[in-house]
């Protein structure tokens, strides 16, 4: 079966062990990706997560309630065929990492950013071998090429499923460092999300909460938390 069915037609979703991973079957028929590739995932935990999503469907199939399935499809249909390009794109975040660009005023925001982000930059230096400089203002300044090279090498080391998750961790937070911290469980994932939103929280403190913006932020937070879960599912 490939693509998305419109209505549930199967009785049971099950997991099967394959030579190179695990498959998910609907009444014995193996799932395929939208591009019609075999849906083979690296861990039983991930396969069970996909099977649970399909088992939970009733009546009309709702892909928005199936994040593990969608991430696995992305890893196979998109990341696998352009792994190097995706890795290079994500590594570029290191040159303009959110944590490095600081406000020039007011003093309270400057202090809040330093308190939140300086410890993560120290962690990146100690654990990732990347010494990233802090910049006042928004004008781009080049980072140490050797540090960026070490970060790039680490990004390229992820497998297709890890990289699919890492893509969302980095793009949603705006920080390569936060993405790496999430993959290594350096902080609770909810805290890392909060640290990525220091500027937004500051604005809310000054002007109040915009309900539409808050709803969009919540959607992004849930995607960030899912990406962390999916990365952990990718670990053999």
C-alpha atoms as a PDB file:
ATOM      1  CA  UNK A   1       0.000   0.000   0.000  1.00  0.00           C
ATOM      2  CA  UNK A   2       1.378   3.431  -0.925  1.00  0.00           C
ATOM      3  CA  UNK A   3       0.239   6.955  -0.259  1.00  0.00           C
ATOM      4  CA  UNK A   4      -2.680   7.787   2.006  1.00  0.00           C
ATOM      5  CA  UNK A   5      -5.940   5.864   2.027  1.00  0.00           C
ATOM      6  CA  UNK A   6      -9.131   7.927   2.241  1.00  0.00           C
ATOM      7  CA  UNK A   7     -10.896   5.583   4.613  1.00  0.00           C
ATOM      8  CA  UNK A   8      -9.856   2.782   6.918  1.00  0.00           C
ATOM      9  CA  UNK A   9     -10.061  -0.560   5.140  1.00  0.00           C
ATOM     10  CA  UNK A  10      -7.847  -2.735   7.357  1.00  0.00           C
ATOM     11  CA  UNK A  11      -8.499  -4.505  10.619  1.00  0.00           C
ATOM     12  CA  UNK A  12      -5.042  -4.609  12.132  1.00  0.00           C
ATOM     13  CA  UNK A  13      -1.649  -2.925  11.788  1.00  0.00           C
ATOM     14  CA  UNK A  14       1.339  -5.096  12.691  1.00  0.00           C
ATOM     15  CA  UNK A  15       5.134  -4.925  12.718  1.00  0.00           C
ATOM     16  CA  UNK A  16       7.438  -7.331  10.931  1.00  0.00           C
ATOM     17  CA  UNK A  17      11.186  -7.856  11.200  1.00  0.00           C
ATOM     18  CA  UNK A  18      13.040  -7.422   7.910  1.00  0.00           C
ATOM     19  CA  UNK A  19      16.658  -8.015   6.897  1.00  0.00           C
ATOM     20  CA  UNK A  20      17.438  -4.288   7.057  1.00  0.00           C
ATOM     21  CA  UNK A  21      14.955  -3.075   9.677  1.00  0.00           C
ATOM     22  CA  UNK A  22      11.249  -3.275  10.440  1.00  0.00           C
ATOM     23  CA  UNK A  23       8.165  -2.994   8.268  1.00  0.00           C
ATOM     24  CA  UNK A  24       4.578  -2.093   9.104  1.00  0.00           C
ATOM     25  CA  UNK A  25       1.795  -4.150   7.607  1.00  0.00           C
ATOM     26  CA  UNK A  26      -1.952  -3.565   7.291  1.00  0.00           C
ATOM     27  CA  UNK A  27      -3.634  -6.970   7.330  1.00  0.00           C
ATOM     28  CA  UNK A  28      -0.417  -8.456   6.013  1.00  0.00           C
ATOM     29  CA  UNK A  29       0.155  -5.871   3.268  1.00  0.00           C
ATOM     30  CA  UNK A  30       3.369  -3.916   3.742  1.00  0.00           C
ATOM     31  CA  UNK A  31       3.118  -0.148   3.843  1.00  0.00           C
ATOM     32  CA  UNK A  32       4.947   1.888   1.245  1.00  0.00           C
ATOM     33  CA  UNK A  33       5.844   5.552   1.213  1.00  0.00           C
ATOM     34  CA  UNK A  34       4.022   8.086  -0.993  1.00  0.00           C
ATOM     35  CA  UNK A  35       6.887   7.647  -3.497  1.00  0.00           C
ATOM     36  CA  UNK A  36       6.182   3.893  -3.410  1.00  0.00           C
ATOM     37  CA  UNK A  37       9.404   2.935  -1.651  1.00  0.00           C
ATOM     38  CA  UNK A  38       9.291   0.193   0.945  1.00  0.00           C
ATOM     39  CA  UNK A  39       8.548   1.659   4.372  1.00  0.00           C
ATOM     40  CA  UNK A  40      11.431   0.030   6.234  1.00  0.00           C
ATOM     41  CA  UNK A  41      12.466   1.796   9.424  1.00  0.00           C
ATOM     42  CA  UNK A  42      15.569   1.253  11.579  1.00  0.00           C
ATOM     43  CA  UNK A  43      14.014   0.349  14.934  1.00  0.00           C
ATOM     44  CA  UNK A  44      11.129  -1.678  16.259  1.00  0.00           C
ATOM     45  CA  UNK A  45      10.168   1.279  18.455  1.00  0.00           C
ATOM     46  CA  UNK A  46       9.615   3.435  15.376  1.00  0.00           C
ATOM     47  CA  UNK A  47       7.698   0.701  13.573  1.00  0.00           C
ATOM     48  CA  UNK A  48       5.465   0.218  16.605  1.00  0.00           C
ATOM     49  CA  UNK A  49       4.862   3.970  16.692  1.00  0.00           C
ATOM     50  CA  UNK A  50       3.773   3.928  13.052  1.00  0.00           C
ATOM     51  CA  UNK A  51       1.558   0.888  13.565  1.00  0.00           C
ATOM     52  CA  UNK A  52      -0.112   2.551  16.549  1.00  0.00           C
ATOM     53  CA  UNK A  53      -0.914   5.618  14.425  1.00  0.00           C
ATOM     54  CA  UNK A  54      -2.577   3.493  11.756  1.00  0.00           C
ATOM     55  CA  UNK A  55      -4.459   1.455  14.355  1.00  0.00           C
ATOM     56  CA  UNK A  56      -5.794   4.667  15.885  1.00  0.00           C
ATOM     57  CA  UNK A  57      -7.437   5.813  12.652  1.00  0.00           C
ATOM     58  CA  UNK A  58     -11.205   5.577  12.463  1.00  0.00           C
ATOM     59  CA  UNK A  59     -13.288   6.301   9.394  1.00  0.00           C
ATOM     60  CA  UNK A  60     -11.553   9.038   7.372  1.00  0.00           C
ATOM     61  CA  UNK A  61      -7.761   8.876   7.546  1.00  0.00           C
ATOM     62  CA  UNK A  62      -6.185  12.007   9.002  1.00  0.00           C
ATOM     63  CA  UNK A  63      -2.451  12.304   8.160  1.00  0.00           C
ATOM     64  CA  UNK A  64      -2.052  15.202  10.604  1.00  0.00           C
ATOM     65  CA  UNK A  65      -2.545  12.722  13.448  1.00  0.00           C
ATOM     66  CA  UNK A  66       0.263  10.481  12.151  1.00  0.00           C
ATOM     67  CA  UNK A  67       3.540  12.367  12.761  1.00  0.00           C
ATOM     68  CA  UNK A  68       5.778   9.297  13.054  1.00  0.00           C
ATOM     69  CA  UNK A  69       4.508   7.975   9.722  1.00  0.00           C
ATOM     70  CA  UNK A  70       5.033  11.344   8.053  1.00  0.00           C
ATOM     71  CA  UNK A  71       8.565  11.712   9.430  1.00  0.00           C
ATOM     72  CA  UNK A  72       9.497   8.208   8.313  1.00  0.00           C
ATOM     73  CA  UNK A  73       8.147   8.939   4.836  1.00  0.00           C
ATOM     74  CA  UNK A  74      10.204  12.138   4.704  1.00  0.00           C
ATOM     75  CA  UNK A  75      13.354  10.280   5.757  1.00  0.00           C
ATOM     76  CA  UNK A  76      12.916   7.717   2.977  1.00  0.00           C
ATOM     77  CA  UNK A  77      11.443   9.793   0.147  1.00  0.00           C
ATOM     78  CA  UNK A  78      13.305  13.068   0.690  1.00  0.00           C
ATOM     79  CA  UNK A  79      16.334  12.876   2.978  1.00  0.00           C
ATOM     80  CA  UNK A  80      17.654   9.573   1.646  1.00  0.00           C
ATOM     81  CA  UNK A  81      17.954  10.923  -1.900  1.00  0.00           C
ATOM     82  CA  UNK A  82      19.609  14.221  -0.912  1.00  0.00           C
ATOM     83  CA  UNK A  83      21.316  13.495   2.392  1.00  0.00           C
ATOM     84  CA  UNK A  84      24.402  15.605   1.674  1.00  0.00           C
ATOM     85  CA  UNK A  85      22.360  18.604   0.526  1.00  0.00           C
ATOM     86  CA  UNK A  86      20.115  18.506   3.606  1.00  0.00           C
ATOM     87  CA  UNK A  87      23.115  18.131   5.912  1.00  0.00           C
ATOM     88  CA  UNK A  88      24.903  21.064   4.268  1.00  0.00           C
ATOM     89  CA  UNK A  89      21.813  23.248   4.552  1.00  0.00           C
ATOM     90  CA  UNK A  90      21.438  22.515   8.266  1.00  0.00           C
ATOM     91  CA  UNK A  91      25.147  22.970   8.954  1.00  0.00           C
ATOM     92  CA  UNK A  92      24.848  26.513   7.572  1.00  0.00           C
ATOM     93  CA  UNK A  93      22.831  27.437  10.674  1.00  0.00           C
ATOM     94  CA  UNK A  94      26.097  27.314  12.604  1.00  0.00           C
ATOM     95  CA  UNK A  95      27.301  30.451  10.863  1.00  0.00           C
ATOM     96  CA  UNK A  96      24.285  32.467  11.994  1.00  0.00           C
ATOM     97  CA  UNK A  97      23.111  30.570  15.054  1.00  0.00           C
ATOM     98  CA  UNK A  98      20.298  32.180  17.030  1.00  0.00           C
ATOM     99  CA  UNK A  99      22.329  31.912  20.227  1.00  0.00           C
ATOM    100  CA  UNK A 100      25.143  34.077  18.841  1.00  0.00           C
ATOM    101  CA  UNK A 101      23.174  37.156  17.818  1.00  0.00           C
ATOM    102  CA  UNK A 102      22.259  39.325  20.768  1.00  0.00           C
ATOM    103  CA  UNK A 103      20.192  42.408  21.382  1.00  0.00           C
ATOM    104  CA  UNK A 104      21.971  45.726  21.897  1.00  0.00           C
ATOM    105  CA  UNK A 105      19.182  47.036  24.176  1.00  0.00           C
ATOM    106  CA  UNK A 106      17.441  47.057  26.596  1.00  0.00           C
ATOM    107  CA  UNK A 107      19.721  45.797  29.348  1.00  0.00           C
ATOM    108  CA  UNK A 108      17.107  43.401  30.719  1.00  0.00           C
ATOM    109  CA  UNK A 109      16.802  41.578  27.398  1.00  0.00           C
ATOM    110  CA  UNK A 110      20.583  41.492  26.988  1.00  0.00           C
ATOM    111  CA  UNK A 111      20.869  39.890  30.434  1.00  0.00           C
ATOM    112  CA  UNK A 112      18.050  37.450  29.731  1.00  0.00           C
ATOM    113  CA  UNK A 113      19.682  36.262  26.506  1.00  0.00           C
ATOM    114  CA  UNK A 114      23.063  35.860  28.189  1.00  0.00           C
ATOM    115  CA  UNK A 115      21.627  33.869  31.071  1.00  0.00           C
ATOM    116  CA  UNK A 116      19.742  31.558  28.712  1.00  0.00           C
ATOM    117  CA  UNK A 117      22.217  31.150  25.865  1.00  0.00           C
ATOM    118  CA  UNK A 118      25.746  31.482  27.250  1.00  0.00           C
ATOM    119  CA  UNK A 119      25.627  28.073  29.019  1.00  0.00           C
ATOM    120  CA  UNK A 120      24.607  26.380  25.766  1.00  0.00           C
ATOM    121  CA  UNK A 121      27.464  28.009  23.874  1.00  0.00           C
ATOM    122  CA  UNK A 122      29.882  26.830  26.559  1.00  0.00           C
ATOM    123  CA  UNK A 123      28.438  23.343  26.206  1.00  0.00           C
ATOM    124  CA  UNK A 124      28.934  23.515  22.419  1.00  0.00           C
ATOM    125  CA  UNK A 125      32.569  24.458  22.949  1.00  0.00           C
ATOM    126  CA  UNK A 126      33.220  21.662  25.434  1.00  0.00           C
ATOM    127  CA  UNK A 127      31.132  18.873  23.901  1.00  0.00           C
ATOM    128  CA  UNK A 128      31.068  19.661  20.182  1.00  0.00           C
ATOM    129  CA  UNK A 129      34.428  21.359  19.778  1.00  0.00           C
ATOM    130  CA  UNK A 130      32.766  24.467  18.401  1.00  0.00           C
ATOM    131  CA  UNK A 131      33.764  27.878  19.740  1.00  0.00           C
ATOM    132  CA  UNK A 132      31.094  30.264  18.470  1.00  0.00           C
ATOM    133  CA  UNK A 133      31.437  34.005  19.012  1.00  0.00           C
ATOM    134  CA  UNK A 134      28.664  36.193  20.362  1.00  0.00           C
ATOM    135  CA  UNK A 135      27.724  39.142  18.137  1.00  0.00           C
ATOM    136  CA  UNK A 136      25.930  42.303  19.270  1.00  0.00           C
ATOM    137  CA  UNK A 137      23.290  43.252  16.731  1.00  0.00           C
ATOM    138  CA  UNK A 138      22.046  41.555  13.584  1.00  0.00           C
ATOM    139  CA  UNK A 139      24.876  42.221  11.127  1.00  0.00           C
ATOM    140  CA  UNK A 140      26.433  38.908  10.130  1.00  0.00           C
ATOM    141  CA  UNK A 141      29.962  38.158  11.298  1.00  0.00           C
ATOM    142  CA  UNK A 142      31.908  35.087  10.230  1.00  0.00           C
ATOM    143  CA  UNK A 143      32.533  32.316  12.737  1.00  0.00           C
ATOM    144  CA  UNK A 144      35.695  30.240  13.103  1.00  0.00           C
ATOM    145  CA  UNK A 145      35.885  27.951  10.024  1.00  0.00           C
ATOM    146  CA  UNK A 146      37.392  25.095  12.048  1.00  0.00           C
ATOM    147  CA  UNK A 147      34.496  25.157  14.520  1.00  0.00           C
ATOM    148  CA  UNK A 148      31.947  25.253  11.707  1.00  0.00           C
ATOM    149  CA  UNK A 149      33.749  22.374  10.013  1.00  0.00           C
ATOM    150  CA  UNK A 150      33.475  20.216  13.134  1.00  0.00           C
ATOM    151  CA  UNK A 151      29.761  20.969  13.379  1.00  0.00           C
ATOM    152  CA  UNK A 152      29.275  20.180   9.688  1.00  0.00           C
ATOM    153  CA  UNK A 153      31.002  16.826  10.087  1.00  0.00           C
ATOM    154  CA  UNK A 154      28.697  15.910  12.963  1.00  0.00           C
ATOM    155  CA  UNK A 155      25.611  16.822  10.935  1.00  0.00           C
ATOM    156  CA  UNK A 156      26.771  14.672   8.027  1.00  0.00           C
ATOM    157  CA  UNK A 157      27.189  11.771  10.466  1.00  0.00           C
ATOM    158  CA  UNK A 158      23.467  11.434  11.070  1.00  0.00           C
ATOM    159  CA  UNK A 159      21.594   8.667   9.275  1.00  0.00           C
ATOM    160  CA  UNK A 160      18.551   9.489   7.125  1.00  0.00           C
ATOM    161  CA  UNK A 161      16.019   9.135   9.945  1.00  0.00           C
ATOM    162  CA  UNK A 162      18.120  11.074  12.443  1.00  0.00           C
ATOM    163  CA  UNK A 163      18.673  13.818   9.888  1.00  0.00           C
ATOM    164  CA  UNK A 164      14.944  14.096   9.178  1.00  0.00           C
ATOM    165  CA  UNK A 165      14.366  14.736  12.873  1.00  0.00           C
ATOM    166  CA  UNK A 166      17.388  17.017  13.183  1.00  0.00           C
ATOM    167  CA  UNK A 167      16.052  19.143  10.329  1.00  0.00           C
ATOM    168  CA  UNK A 168      12.993  20.052  12.379  1.00  0.00           C
ATOM    169  CA  UNK A 169      14.905  20.492  15.625  1.00  0.00           C
ATOM    170  CA  UNK A 170      17.184  23.044  13.966  1.00  0.00           C
ATOM    171  CA  UNK A 171      14.764  24.822  11.649  1.00  0.00           C
ATOM    172  CA  UNK A 172      12.073  25.234  14.306  1.00  0.00           C
ATOM    173  CA  UNK A 173      14.488  26.531  16.952  1.00  0.00           C
ATOM    174  CA  UNK A 174      16.710  28.536  14.600  1.00  0.00           C
ATOM    175  CA  UNK A 175      19.765  27.082  16.307  1.00  0.00           C
ATOM    176  CA  UNK A 176      22.205  24.369  15.311  1.00  0.00           C
ATOM    177  CA  UNK A 177      23.458  24.288  18.904  1.00  0.00           C
ATOM    178  CA  UNK A 178      19.965  23.753  20.313  1.00  0.00           C
ATOM    179  CA  UNK A 179      19.420  21.017  17.736  1.00  0.00           C
ATOM    180  CA  UNK A 180      22.540  19.189  18.887  1.00  0.00           C
ATOM    181  CA  UNK A 181      21.619  19.722  22.546  1.00  0.00           C
ATOM    182  CA  UNK A 182      18.260  18.086  21.855  1.00  0.00           C
ATOM    183  CA  UNK A 183      19.824  15.028  20.215  1.00  0.00           C
ATOM    184  CA  UNK A 184      22.094  14.565  23.233  1.00  0.00           C
ATOM    185  CA  UNK A 185      19.409  15.273  25.829  1.00  0.00           C
ATOM    186  CA  UNK A 186      21.593  18.035  27.263  1.00  0.00           C
ATOM    187  CA  UNK A 187      18.490  19.711  28.691  1.00  0.00           C
ATOM    188  CA  UNK A 188      14.843  18.656  28.957  1.00  0.00           C
ATOM    189  CA  UNK A 189      13.335  19.126  25.512  1.00  0.00           C
ATOM    190  CA  UNK A 190      10.675  21.503  26.824  1.00  0.00           C
ATOM    191  CA  UNK A 191      13.393  23.708  28.301  1.00  0.00           C
ATOM    192  CA  UNK A 192      15.301  23.785  25.023  1.00  0.00           C
ATOM    193  CA  UNK A 193      12.180  24.962  23.244  1.00  0.00           C
ATOM    194  CA  UNK A 194      11.705  27.686  25.856  1.00  0.00           C
ATOM    195  CA  UNK A 195      15.320  28.787  25.413  1.00  0.00           C
ATOM    196  CA  UNK A 196      14.782  29.124  21.669  1.00  0.00           C
ATOM    197  CA  UNK A 197      12.002  31.629  22.309  1.00  0.00           C
ATOM    198  CA  UNK A 198      13.670  34.132  24.617  1.00  0.00           C
ATOM    199  CA  UNK A 199      13.034  37.015  22.209  1.00  0.00           C
ATOM    200  CA  UNK A 200       9.381  36.078  21.677  1.00  0.00           C
ATOM    201  CA  UNK A 201       8.809  35.719  25.405  1.00  0.00           C
ATOM    202  CA  UNK A 202      10.338  39.147  25.942  1.00  0.00           C
ATOM    203  CA  UNK A 203       7.932  40.674  23.443  1.00  0.00           C
ATOM    204  CA  UNK A 204       4.993  38.976  25.140  1.00  0.00           C
ATOM    205  CA  UNK A 205       6.122  40.343  28.502  1.00  0.00           C
ATOM    206  CA  UNK A 206       6.179  43.867  27.062  1.00  0.00           C
ATOM    207  CA  UNK A 207       3.076  43.891  24.863  1.00  0.00           C
ATOM    208  CA  UNK A 208       0.973  40.929  25.905  1.00  0.00           C
ATOM    209  CA  UNK A 209       0.166  37.645  24.189  1.00  0.00           C
ATOM    210  CA  UNK A 210      -1.112  37.658  20.619  1.00  0.00           C
ATOM    211  CA  UNK A 211      -3.519  34.723  20.417  1.00  0.00           C
ATOM    212  CA  UNK A 212      -2.815  33.916  16.770  1.00  0.00           C
ATOM    213  CA  UNK A 213       0.941  34.029  17.285  1.00  0.00           C
ATOM    214  CA  UNK A 214       0.590  31.907  20.430  1.00  0.00           C
ATOM    215  CA  UNK A 215      -1.377  29.277  18.512  1.00  0.00           C
ATOM    216  CA  UNK A 216       1.273  29.159  15.798  1.00  0.00           C
ATOM    217  CA  UNK A 217       3.987  28.868  18.431  1.00  0.00           C
ATOM    218  CA  UNK A 218       2.169  25.961  20.068  1.00  0.00           C
ATOM    219  CA  UNK A 219       1.985  24.134  16.744  1.00  0.00           C
ATOM    220  CA  UNK A 220       5.734  24.617  16.283  1.00  0.00           C
ATOM    221  CA  UNK A 221       6.418  23.467  19.839  1.00  0.00           C
ATOM    222  CA  UNK A 222       4.513  20.229  19.291  1.00  0.00           C
ATOM    223  CA  UNK A 223       6.475  19.643  16.079  1.00  0.00           C
ATOM    224  CA  UNK A 224       9.722  20.295  17.956  1.00  0.00           C
ATOM    225  CA  UNK A 225       8.789  17.818  20.688  1.00  0.00           C
ATOM    226  CA  UNK A 226       7.829  15.251  18.055  1.00  0.00           C
ATOM    227  CA  UNK A 227      11.159  15.713  16.252  1.00  0.00           C
ATOM    228  CA  UNK A 228      12.970  14.932  19.491  1.00  0.00           C
ATOM    229  CA  UNK A 229      10.857  11.816  19.996  1.00  0.00           C
ATOM    230  CA  UNK A 230      11.445  10.718  16.400  1.00  0.00           C
ATOM    231  CA  UNK A 231      15.202  11.215  16.756  1.00  0.00           C
ATOM    232  CA  UNK A 232      15.194   8.992  19.831  1.00  0.00           C
ATOM    233  CA  UNK A 233      13.140   6.406  17.939  1.00  0.00           C
ATOM    234  CA  UNK A 234      15.864   6.366  15.278  1.00  0.00           C
ATOM    235  CA  UNK A 235      18.510   5.168  17.742  1.00  0.00           C
ATOM    236  CA  UNK A 236      19.359   1.499  17.291  1.00  0.00           C
END
